[in-house]
Amino acid sequence: MKLPATITRNWLVALSDTDLVDAEARLHQAFGVLERRNKKAFGAHYSLFRGPADLLAAWDRWSRVSQITRERGLRPRRATPTS
């Protein structure tokens, strides 16, 4: 499944539960990469909502999908952390 450039409610509603969980996982991973990069760069001065546009866009895309996932009562899929 290809993720659209703009996440719309109509696109989200049309997704199957499996596709929705997959999209949520992929967007969460992309957001996480940017967030970790920015946390490392800014340290104690890191603030999500003062971050660069690409970080905020990634958060916005993920949060829209995450909201619908929760509304459907689905569990997000997360990779097992490696230490």
C-alpha atoms as a PDB file:
ATOM      1  CA  MET A   1       0.000   0.000   0.000  1.00  0.00           C
ATOM      2  CA  LYS A   2       1.288   3.419  -0.951  1.00  0.00           C
ATOM      3  CA  LEU A   3       0.830   6.249   1.533  1.00  0.00           C
ATOM      4  CA  PRO A   4      -0.651   9.401   0.007  1.00  0.00           C
ATOM      5  CA  ALA A   5       1.086  12.768   0.242  1.00  0.00           C
ATOM      6  CA  THR A   6      -1.887  14.105   2.205  1.00  0.00           C
ATOM      7  CA  ILE A   7      -3.666  12.027   4.824  1.00  0.00           C
ATOM      8  CA  THR A   8      -7.419  12.641   4.550  1.00  0.00           C
ATOM      9  CA  ARG A   9     -10.257  11.262   6.613  1.00  0.00           C
ATOM     10  CA  ASN A  10     -11.822   9.746   3.467  1.00  0.00           C
ATOM     11  CA  TRP A  11      -8.618   7.812   2.745  1.00  0.00           C
ATOM     12  CA  LEU A  12      -8.414   6.638   6.353  1.00  0.00           C
ATOM     13  CA  VAL A  13     -12.027   5.483   6.498  1.00  0.00           C
ATOM     14  CA  ALA A  14     -11.570   3.491   3.280  1.00  0.00           C
ATOM     15  CA  LEU A  15      -8.644   1.477   4.713  1.00  0.00           C
ATOM     16  CA  SER A  16      -9.111  -2.040   6.013  1.00  0.00           C
ATOM     17  CA  ASP A  17      -8.054  -2.643   9.609  1.00  0.00           C
ATOM     18  CA  THR A  18      -4.917  -4.432   8.413  1.00  0.00           C
ATOM     19  CA  ASP A  19      -3.943  -1.586   6.077  1.00  0.00           C
ATOM     20  CA  LEU A  20      -4.657   0.977   8.790  1.00  0.00           C
ATOM     21  CA  VAL A  21      -2.409  -0.779  11.320  1.00  0.00           C
ATOM     22  CA  ASP A  22       0.293  -1.077   8.646  1.00  0.00           C
ATOM     23  CA  ALA A  23       0.053   2.632   7.760  1.00  0.00           C
ATOM     24  CA  GLU A  24       0.141   3.604  11.442  1.00  0.00           C
ATOM     25  CA  ALA A  25       3.276   1.509  12.029  1.00  0.00           C
ATOM     26  CA  ARG A  26       5.064   2.914   8.980  1.00  0.00           C
ATOM     27  CA  LEU A  27       4.209   6.518   9.845  1.00  0.00           C
ATOM     28  CA  HIS A  28       5.143   6.014  13.501  1.00  0.00           C
ATOM     29  CA  GLN A  29       8.515   4.655  12.445  1.00  0.00           C
ATOM     30  CA  ALA A  30       9.141   7.607  10.101  1.00  0.00           C
ATOM     31  CA  PHE A  31       8.131  10.090  12.800  1.00  0.00           C
ATOM     32  CA  GLY A  32      10.305   8.287  15.359  1.00  0.00           C
ATOM     33  CA  VAL A  33      13.397   8.571  13.164  1.00  0.00           C
ATOM     34  CA  LEU A  34      12.939  12.329  12.788  1.00  0.00           C
ATOM     35  CA  GLU A  35      12.102  12.788  16.452  1.00  0.00           C
ATOM     36  CA  ARG A  36      15.198  10.921  17.644  1.00  0.00           C
ATOM     37  CA  ARG A  37      17.370  12.890  15.217  1.00  0.00           C
ATOM     38  CA  ASN A  38      15.993  16.182  16.527  1.00  0.00           C
ATOM     39  CA  LYS A  39      16.234  15.141  20.178  1.00  0.00           C
ATOM     40  CA  LYS A  40      19.883  14.269  19.613  1.00  0.00           C
ATOM     41  CA  ALA A  41      20.562  17.556  17.828  1.00  0.00           C
ATOM     42  CA  PHE A  42      18.768  19.830  20.306  1.00  0.00           C
ATOM     43  CA  GLY A  43      19.194  17.909  23.560  1.00  0.00           C
ATOM     44  CA  ALA A  44      17.479  19.612  26.498  1.00  0.00           C
ATOM     45  CA  HIS A  45      16.217  22.335  24.161  1.00  0.00           C
ATOM     46  CA  TYR A  46      14.161  19.879  22.091  1.00  0.00           C
ATOM     47  CA  SER A  47      10.487  20.731  21.750  1.00  0.00           C
ATOM     48  CA  LEU A  48       8.276  18.905  19.273  1.00  0.00           C
ATOM     49  CA  PHE A  49       6.141  21.916  18.461  1.00  0.00           C
ATOM     50  CA  ARG A  50       9.155  24.135  17.938  1.00  0.00           C
ATOM     51  CA  GLY A  51      10.777  21.618  15.649  1.00  0.00           C
ATOM     52  CA  PRO A  52      11.382  21.881  11.922  1.00  0.00           C
ATOM     53  CA  ALA A  53       8.555  21.578   9.420  1.00  0.00           C
ATOM     54  CA  ASP A  54       9.435  18.005   8.400  1.00  0.00           C
ATOM     55  CA  LEU A  55       9.174  16.828  12.019  1.00  0.00           C
ATOM     56  CA  LEU A  56       5.804  18.511  12.512  1.00  0.00           C
ATOM     57  CA  ALA A  57       4.518  17.138   9.208  1.00  0.00           C
ATOM     58  CA  ALA A  58       5.580  13.609  10.186  1.00  0.00           C
ATOM     59  CA  TRP A  59       3.870  13.991  13.564  1.00  0.00           C
ATOM     60  CA  ASP A  60       0.704  15.315  11.907  1.00  0.00           C
ATOM     61  CA  ARG A  61       0.544  12.432   9.427  1.00  0.00           C
ATOM     62  CA  TRP A  62       1.141   9.819  12.128  1.00  0.00           C
ATOM     63  CA  SER A  63      -1.258  11.400  14.644  1.00  0.00           C
ATOM     64  CA  ARG A  64      -4.134  11.431  12.121  1.00  0.00           C
ATOM     65  CA  VAL A  65      -3.688   7.734  11.408  1.00  0.00           C
ATOM     66  CA  SER A  66      -3.128   6.933  15.076  1.00  0.00           C
ATOM     67  CA  GLN A  67      -6.410   8.614  16.029  1.00  0.00           C
ATOM     68  CA  ILE A  68      -8.439   6.490  13.597  1.00  0.00           C
ATOM     69  CA  THR A  69      -6.582   3.383  14.757  1.00  0.00           C
ATOM     70  CA  ARG A  70      -7.645   4.106  18.347  1.00  0.00           C
ATOM     71  CA  GLU A  71     -11.212   4.916  17.277  1.00  0.00           C
ATOM     72  CA  ARG A  72     -11.461   1.460  15.705  1.00  0.00           C
ATOM     73  CA  GLY A  73     -10.053  -0.140  18.847  1.00  0.00           C
ATOM     74  CA  LEU A  74      -7.015  -1.526  17.026  1.00  0.00           C
ATOM     75  CA  ARG A  75      -3.628  -2.122  18.580  1.00  0.00           C
ATOM     76  CA  PRO A  76      -0.657  -0.403  16.962  1.00  0.00           C
ATOM     77  CA  ARG A  77       2.168  -2.634  15.806  1.00  0.00           C
ATOM     78  CA  ARG A  78       5.547  -1.673  17.237  1.00  0.00           C
ATOM     79  CA  ALA A  79       8.943  -3.166  16.605  1.00  0.00           C
ATOM     80  CA  THR A  80      10.555  -4.787  19.600  1.00  0.00           C
ATOM     81  CA  PRO A  81      13.193  -2.395  20.973  1.00  0.00           C
ATOM     82  CA  THR A  82      16.757  -3.605  20.720  1.00  0.00           C
ATOM     83  CA  SER A  83      19.208  -2.788  23.478  1.00  0.00           C
END
